[in-house]
């Protein structure tokens, strides 16, 4: 975490359930959030561009992160990945529908009787 003027920077070690990420918060808002939560708080971060939630003793506070180049790149990469997943899901759905149609019971044709020779 650092301020916009790069006058200060803090790295907070934390136990995480997923990938680590960088989040840039305004120092003023960070201080206010920690004071409001009583100094110690659970910090919930999804990614570098989504709101950060501070919670303590049933009290929750949301702080928006600052826009950075890293956060912008991460947001764009996430949008592309989501679009690709949606495209793959649409393709899989189309294939499943096509297979369903081709496997559907085809109309039965009448069995033709043996052709008898015709005198000409």
C-alpha atoms as a PDB file:
ATOM      1  CA  UNK A   1       0.000   0.000   0.000  1.00  0.00           C
ATOM      2  CA  UNK A   2       1.319   3.432  -0.791  1.00  0.00           C
ATOM      3  CA  UNK A   3       0.061   6.962  -1.086  1.00  0.00           C
ATOM      4  CA  UNK A   4      -0.397   8.683  -4.466  1.00  0.00           C
ATOM      5  CA  UNK A   5       2.755  10.795  -4.019  1.00  0.00           C
ATOM      6  CA  UNK A   6       4.887   7.713  -3.269  1.00  0.00           C
ATOM      7  CA  UNK A   7       5.966   9.359   0.000  1.00  0.00           C
ATOM      8  CA  UNK A   8       5.191   6.214   1.925  1.00  0.00           C
ATOM      9  CA  UNK A   9       4.604   2.581   1.288  1.00  0.00           C
ATOM     10  CA  UNK A  10       3.541  -0.282   3.524  1.00  0.00           C
ATOM     11  CA  UNK A  11       3.518  -3.997   2.890  1.00  0.00           C
ATOM     12  CA  UNK A  12       1.151  -5.952   5.077  1.00  0.00           C
ATOM     13  CA  UNK A  13       1.820  -9.659   5.515  1.00  0.00           C
ATOM     14  CA  UNK A  14      -1.424 -11.599   5.506  1.00  0.00           C
ATOM     15  CA  UNK A  15      -2.812 -15.098   5.380  1.00  0.00           C
ATOM     16  CA  UNK A  16      -4.628 -15.542   2.096  1.00  0.00           C
ATOM     17  CA  UNK A  17      -6.991 -18.074   0.593  1.00  0.00           C
ATOM     18  CA  UNK A  18      -5.929 -17.368  -2.984  1.00  0.00           C
ATOM     19  CA  UNK A  19      -3.424 -15.469  -5.047  1.00  0.00           C
ATOM     20  CA  UNK A  20      -1.696 -12.439  -3.623  1.00  0.00           C
ATOM     21  CA  UNK A  21      -2.508  -9.097  -5.187  1.00  0.00           C
ATOM     22  CA  UNK A  22      -1.520  -5.473  -4.891  1.00  0.00           C
ATOM     23  CA  UNK A  23      -4.117  -2.967  -3.737  1.00  0.00           C
ATOM     24  CA  UNK A  24      -3.483   0.751  -3.606  1.00  0.00           C
ATOM     25  CA  UNK A  25      -5.474   2.623  -0.963  1.00  0.00           C
ATOM     26  CA  UNK A  26      -5.365   6.277  -0.017  1.00  0.00           C
ATOM     27  CA  UNK A  27      -3.596   6.470   3.359  1.00  0.00           C
ATOM     28  CA  UNK A  28      -6.271   8.792   4.751  1.00  0.00           C
ATOM     29  CA  UNK A  29      -9.059   6.315   3.935  1.00  0.00           C
ATOM     30  CA  UNK A  30      -7.006   3.392   5.242  1.00  0.00           C
ATOM     31  CA  UNK A  31      -6.445   5.197   8.551  1.00  0.00           C
ATOM     32  CA  UNK A  32     -10.126   6.114   8.843  1.00  0.00           C
ATOM     33  CA  UNK A  33     -11.181   2.537   8.094  1.00  0.00           C
ATOM     34  CA  UNK A  34      -8.845   1.109  10.727  1.00  0.00           C
ATOM     35  CA  UNK A  35      -9.948   3.675  13.328  1.00  0.00           C
ATOM     36  CA  UNK A  36     -13.607   2.942  12.596  1.00  0.00           C
ATOM     37  CA  UNK A  37     -12.978  -0.789  13.025  1.00  0.00           C
ATOM     38  CA  UNK A  38     -11.100  -0.284  16.293  1.00  0.00           C
ATOM     39  CA  UNK A  39      -7.577  -0.741  14.932  1.00  0.00           C
ATOM     40  CA  UNK A  40      -7.777  -4.457  14.114  1.00  0.00           C
ATOM     41  CA  UNK A  41      -9.904  -5.663  11.238  1.00  0.00           C
ATOM     42  CA  UNK A  42     -10.359  -8.499   8.800  1.00  0.00           C
ATOM     43  CA  UNK A  43      -9.455  -7.285   5.347  1.00  0.00           C
ATOM     44  CA  UNK A  44     -11.273  -8.897   2.411  1.00  0.00           C
ATOM     45  CA  UNK A  45      -9.734  -8.326  -1.002  1.00  0.00           C
ATOM     46  CA  UNK A  46     -10.948  -9.879  -4.247  1.00  0.00           C
ATOM     47  CA  UNK A  47      -8.487  -8.243  -6.633  1.00  0.00           C
ATOM     48  CA  UNK A  48      -6.581  -5.000  -7.118  1.00  0.00           C
ATOM     49  CA  UNK A  49      -9.491  -3.066  -8.619  1.00  0.00           C
ATOM     50  CA  UNK A  50     -12.539  -4.133  -6.582  1.00  0.00           C
ATOM     51  CA  UNK A  51     -13.735  -2.574  -3.312  1.00  0.00           C
ATOM     52  CA  UNK A  52     -11.882  -3.678  -0.175  1.00  0.00           C
ATOM     53  CA  UNK A  53     -13.966  -4.631   2.863  1.00  0.00           C
ATOM     54  CA  UNK A  54     -12.785  -4.052   6.405  1.00  0.00           C
ATOM     55  CA  UNK A  55     -14.776  -5.838   9.102  1.00  0.00           C
ATOM     56  CA  UNK A  56     -14.504  -6.093  12.864  1.00  0.00           C
ATOM     57  CA  UNK A  57     -17.001  -7.017  15.586  1.00  0.00           C
ATOM     58  CA  UNK A  58     -19.982  -7.031  13.213  1.00  0.00           C
ATOM     59  CA  UNK A  59     -19.020  -3.677  11.700  1.00  0.00           C
ATOM     60  CA  UNK A  60     -18.161  -3.534   7.984  1.00  0.00           C
ATOM     61  CA  UNK A  61     -16.680  -0.738   5.928  1.00  0.00           C
ATOM     62  CA  UNK A  62     -15.964  -0.678   2.191  1.00  0.00           C
ATOM     63  CA  UNK A  63     -13.072   1.318   0.699  1.00  0.00           C
ATOM     64  CA  UNK A  64     -12.503   1.753  -3.026  1.00  0.00           C
ATOM     65  CA  UNK A  65      -8.911   1.187  -4.171  1.00  0.00           C
ATOM     66  CA  UNK A  66      -7.040   3.706  -6.271  1.00  0.00           C
ATOM     67  CA  UNK A  67      -6.619   3.060  -9.983  1.00  0.00           C
ATOM     68  CA  UNK A  68      -3.148   1.870 -10.923  1.00  0.00           C
ATOM     69  CA  UNK A  69      -1.623   0.467 -14.092  1.00  0.00           C
ATOM     70  CA  UNK A  70      -1.374  -2.967 -12.449  1.00  0.00           C
ATOM     71  CA  UNK A  71      -5.034  -2.885 -11.425  1.00  0.00           C
ATOM     72  CA  UNK A  72      -6.084  -1.745 -14.899  1.00  0.00           C
ATOM     73  CA  UNK A  73      -4.086  -4.567 -16.522  1.00  0.00           C
ATOM     74  CA  UNK A  74      -5.560  -7.078 -14.087  1.00  0.00           C
ATOM     75  CA  UNK A  75      -9.105  -5.846 -14.790  1.00  0.00           C
ATOM     76  CA  UNK A  76      -8.558  -6.132 -18.551  1.00  0.00           C
ATOM     77  CA  UNK A  77      -7.073  -9.627 -18.217  1.00  0.00           C
ATOM     78  CA  UNK A  78     -10.024 -10.692 -16.052  1.00  0.00           C
ATOM     79  CA  UNK A  79     -12.510  -9.306 -18.606  1.00  0.00           C
ATOM     80  CA  UNK A  80     -10.776 -11.197 -21.429  1.00  0.00           C
ATOM     81  CA  UNK A  81     -10.686 -14.425 -19.418  1.00  0.00           C
ATOM     82  CA  UNK A  82     -14.385 -14.081 -18.583  1.00  0.00           C
ATOM     83  CA  UNK A  83     -15.245 -13.435 -22.252  1.00  0.00           C
ATOM     84  CA  UNK A  84     -13.246 -16.507 -23.310  1.00  0.00           C
ATOM     85  CA  UNK A  85     -15.008 -18.671 -20.708  1.00  0.00           C
ATOM     86  CA  UNK A  86     -18.381 -17.412 -21.889  1.00  0.00           C
ATOM     87  CA  UNK A  87     -17.438 -18.107 -25.511  1.00  0.00           C
ATOM     88  CA  UNK A  88     -16.286 -21.619 -24.595  1.00  0.00           C
ATOM     89  CA  UNK A  89     -19.515 -22.205 -22.659  1.00  0.00           C
ATOM     90  CA  UNK A  90     -21.584 -21.034 -25.647  1.00  0.00           C
ATOM     91  CA  UNK A  91     -19.634 -23.360 -27.959  1.00  0.00           C
ATOM     92  CA  UNK A  92     -20.111 -26.290 -25.574  1.00  0.00           C
ATOM     93  CA  UNK A  93     -23.819 -25.528 -25.346  1.00  0.00           C
ATOM     94  CA  UNK A  94     -24.123 -25.393 -29.162  1.00  0.00           C
ATOM     95  CA  UNK A  95     -22.273 -28.708 -29.525  1.00  0.00           C
ATOM     96  CA  UNK A  96     -24.478 -30.329 -26.889  1.00  0.00           C
ATOM     97  CA  UNK A  97     -27.596 -29.058 -28.649  1.00  0.00           C
ATOM     98  CA  UNK A  98     -26.332 -30.338 -32.015  1.00  0.00           C
ATOM     99  CA  UNK A  99     -25.556 -33.741 -30.521  1.00  0.00           C
ATOM    100  CA  UNK A 100     -29.003 -33.843 -28.946  1.00  0.00           C
ATOM    101  CA  UNK A 101     -30.610 -33.103 -32.306  1.00  0.00           C
ATOM    102  CA  UNK A 102     -28.557 -35.704 -34.189  1.00  0.00           C
ATOM    103  CA  UNK A 103     -29.216 -38.330 -31.537  1.00  0.00           C
ATOM    104  CA  UNK A 104     -32.930 -37.635 -31.519  1.00  0.00           C
ATOM    105  CA  UNK A 105     -35.037 -40.422 -32.862  1.00  0.00           C
ATOM    106  CA  UNK A 106     -35.171 -40.120 -36.607  1.00  0.00           C
ATOM    107  CA  UNK A 107     -38.515 -40.735 -38.309  1.00  0.00           C
ATOM    108  CA  UNK A 108     -38.869 -44.348 -39.303  1.00  0.00           C
ATOM    109  CA  UNK A 109     -39.272 -45.084 -42.960  1.00  0.00           C
ATOM    110  CA  UNK A 110     -41.799 -47.548 -44.141  1.00  0.00           C
ATOM    111  CA  UNK A 111     -40.239 -50.765 -45.117  1.00  0.00           C
ATOM    112  CA  UNK A 112     -40.669 -51.227 -48.807  1.00  0.00           C
ATOM    113  CA  UNK A 113     -41.974 -54.493 -50.051  1.00  0.00           C
ATOM    114  CA  UNK A 114     -39.721 -56.483 -52.276  1.00  0.00           C
ATOM    115  CA  UNK A 115     -39.962 -55.112 -55.752  1.00  0.00           C
ATOM    116  CA  UNK A 116     -41.698 -57.422 -58.111  1.00  0.00           C
ATOM    117  CA  UNK A 117     -40.496 -57.708 -61.671  1.00  0.00           C
ATOM    118  CA  UNK A 118     -42.660 -55.743 -64.061  1.00  0.00           C
ATOM    119  CA  UNK A 119     -43.400 -57.073 -67.538  1.00  0.00           C
ATOM    120  CA  UNK A 120     -42.681 -54.603 -70.248  1.00  0.00           C
END
